[in-house]
Amino acid sequence: MGARKGSSVRQKHGRLIDQTDTIPIAIGWNELAQPVLVDIAKDAAHWLIQGKTRSGKSQCTYNLLAQAGSNPAVRVVGVDPTS
């Protein structure tokens, strides 16, 4: 994959990532019932999800991972640090 003029290309985990690519994730709905999208490739390097017990934090996390994992540019890897 060659770098296009004006685009930023970096190497991550042995693969070239073109910074002009987008990875949109739907995080909710606005007042007009349209999806609210966040581009995790450029806008969301870190996330914080907070809430009360049983408020849906885990379900939110699973949904975000499922949406990100459906993009061919994303590789989702799970690690169990206890084993």
C-alpha atoms as a PDB file:
ATOM      1  CA  MET A   1       0.000   0.000   0.000  1.00  0.00           C
ATOM      2  CA  GLY A   2       1.634   3.230  -1.082  1.00  0.00           C
ATOM      3  CA  ALA A   3       1.244   6.505   0.730  1.00  0.00           C
ATOM      4  CA  ARG A   4      -0.900   9.055  -1.030  1.00  0.00           C
ATOM      5  CA  LYS A   5       0.227  12.644  -1.107  1.00  0.00           C
ATOM      6  CA  GLY A   6      -1.060  14.444   1.949  1.00  0.00           C
ATOM      7  CA  SER A   7      -1.943  11.277   3.854  1.00  0.00           C
ATOM      8  CA  SER A   8      -0.241  10.034   6.965  1.00  0.00           C
ATOM      9  CA  VAL A   9       0.736   6.368   7.047  1.00  0.00           C
ATOM     10  CA  ARG A  10       2.047   4.595  10.124  1.00  0.00           C
ATOM     11  CA  GLN A  11       2.986   1.024  10.840  1.00  0.00           C
ATOM     12  CA  LYS A  12       1.188  -0.850  13.582  1.00  0.00           C
ATOM     13  CA  HIS A  13       1.599  -4.546  14.363  1.00  0.00           C
ATOM     14  CA  GLY A  14       3.416  -5.112  11.065  1.00  0.00           C
ATOM     15  CA  ARG A  15       0.627  -3.591   8.956  1.00  0.00           C
ATOM     16  CA  LEU A  16       0.406  -0.190   7.334  1.00  0.00           C
ATOM     17  CA  ILE A  17      -2.507   1.929   8.513  1.00  0.00           C
ATOM     18  CA  ASP A  18      -3.689   4.808   6.335  1.00  0.00           C
ATOM     19  CA  GLN A  19      -4.788   7.671   8.581  1.00  0.00           C
ATOM     20  CA  THR A  20      -7.340   8.848   6.010  1.00  0.00           C
ATOM     21  CA  ASP A  21      -9.423   5.701   6.632  1.00  0.00           C
ATOM     22  CA  THR A  22     -12.438   5.938   8.916  1.00  0.00           C
ATOM     23  CA  ILE A  23     -13.887   3.488  11.417  1.00  0.00           C
ATOM     24  CA  PRO A  24     -17.326   4.852  12.365  1.00  0.00           C
ATOM     25  CA  ILE A  25     -19.040   3.556  15.501  1.00  0.00           C
ATOM     26  CA  ALA A  26     -22.662   4.363  16.367  1.00  0.00           C
ATOM     27  CA  ILE A  27     -22.881   5.468  20.003  1.00  0.00           C
ATOM     28  CA  GLY A  28     -26.541   6.443  20.174  1.00  0.00           C
ATOM     29  CA  TRP A  29     -29.355   8.443  18.624  1.00  0.00           C
ATOM     30  CA  ASN A  30     -29.963  12.179  18.481  1.00  0.00           C
ATOM     31  CA  GLU A  31     -33.287  13.949  19.012  1.00  0.00           C
ATOM     32  CA  LEU A  32     -34.176  13.454  15.314  1.00  0.00           C
ATOM     33  CA  ALA A  33     -33.724   9.658  15.603  1.00  0.00           C
ATOM     34  CA  GLN A  34     -30.542   9.736  13.511  1.00  0.00           C
ATOM     35  CA  PRO A  35     -27.508   7.704  14.596  1.00  0.00           C
ATOM     36  CA  VAL A  36     -24.677   9.576  16.315  1.00  0.00           C
ATOM     37  CA  LEU A  37     -21.368   8.340  14.876  1.00  0.00           C
ATOM     38  CA  VAL A  38     -17.839   8.634  16.272  1.00  0.00           C
ATOM     39  CA  ASP A  39     -14.826   7.894  14.094  1.00  0.00           C
ATOM     40  CA  ILE A  40     -12.613   5.811  16.401  1.00  0.00           C
ATOM     41  CA  ALA A  41      -9.719   5.994  13.930  1.00  0.00           C
ATOM     42  CA  LYS A  42      -9.190   9.689  14.613  1.00  0.00           C
ATOM     43  CA  ASP A  43     -11.521  10.911  17.391  1.00  0.00           C
ATOM     44  CA  ALA A  44     -11.514   8.257  20.098  1.00  0.00           C
ATOM     45  CA  ALA A  45      -8.138   6.958  21.197  1.00  0.00           C
ATOM     46  CA  HIS A  46      -9.401   6.181  24.719  1.00  0.00           C
ATOM     47  CA  TRP A  47     -12.864   5.584  26.144  1.00  0.00           C
ATOM     48  CA  LEU A  48     -14.296   5.769  29.641  1.00  0.00           C
ATOM     49  CA  ILE A  49     -17.610   4.062  30.327  1.00  0.00           C
ATOM     50  CA  GLN A  50     -19.094   4.695  33.749  1.00  0.00           C
ATOM     51  CA  GLY A  51     -22.389   3.961  35.416  1.00  0.00           C
ATOM     52  CA  LYS A  52     -24.128   2.300  38.315  1.00  0.00           C
ATOM     53  CA  THR A  53     -24.191  -1.436  38.891  1.00  0.00           C
ATOM     54  CA  ARG A  54     -26.303  -3.252  36.272  1.00  0.00           C
ATOM     55  CA  SER A  55     -26.669  -0.097  34.155  1.00  0.00           C
ATOM     56  CA  GLY A  56     -25.425  -1.738  30.929  1.00  0.00           C
ATOM     57  CA  LYS A  57     -21.675  -0.918  30.873  1.00  0.00           C
ATOM     58  CA  SER A  58     -20.694  -4.431  29.777  1.00  0.00           C
ATOM     59  CA  GLN A  59     -23.408  -4.552  27.106  1.00  0.00           C
ATOM     60  CA  CYS A  60     -22.234  -1.167  25.800  1.00  0.00           C
ATOM     61  CA  THR A  61     -18.646  -2.422  25.653  1.00  0.00           C
ATOM     62  CA  TYR A  62     -19.670  -5.604  23.811  1.00  0.00           C
ATOM     63  CA  ASN A  63     -21.681  -3.586  21.288  1.00  0.00           C
ATOM     64  CA  LEU A  64     -18.780  -1.188  20.648  1.00  0.00           C
ATOM     65  CA  LEU A  65     -16.394  -4.133  20.137  1.00  0.00           C
ATOM     66  CA  ALA A  66     -18.868  -5.852  17.803  1.00  0.00           C
ATOM     67  CA  GLN A  67     -19.248  -2.723  15.691  1.00  0.00           C
ATOM     68  CA  ALA A  68     -15.491  -2.160  15.549  1.00  0.00           C
ATOM     69  CA  GLY A  69     -14.827  -5.833  14.800  1.00  0.00           C
ATOM     70  CA  SER A  70     -17.204  -5.790  11.832  1.00  0.00           C
ATOM     71  CA  ASN A  71     -14.817  -3.373  10.070  1.00  0.00           C
ATOM     72  CA  PRO A  72     -12.133  -5.239   8.083  1.00  0.00           C
ATOM     73  CA  ALA A  73      -9.498  -2.687   9.175  1.00  0.00           C
ATOM     74  CA  VAL A  74      -9.937  -3.658  12.846  1.00  0.00           C
ATOM     75  CA  ARG A  75      -8.594  -6.687  14.659  1.00  0.00           C
ATOM     76  CA  VAL A  76     -10.192  -7.369  18.071  1.00  0.00           C
ATOM     77  CA  VAL A  77      -8.051  -9.474  20.417  1.00  0.00           C
ATOM     78  CA  GLY A  78      -9.157 -10.668  23.847  1.00  0.00           C
ATOM     79  CA  VAL A  79      -6.658 -11.319  26.631  1.00  0.00           C
ATOM     80  CA  ASP A  80      -7.267 -13.005  29.985  1.00  0.00           C
ATOM     81  CA  PRO A  81      -4.591 -11.719  32.387  1.00  0.00           C
ATOM     82  CA  THR A  82      -5.558 -14.219  35.103  1.00  0.00           C
ATOM     83  CA  SER A  83      -4.369 -17.329  33.270  1.00  0.00           C
END
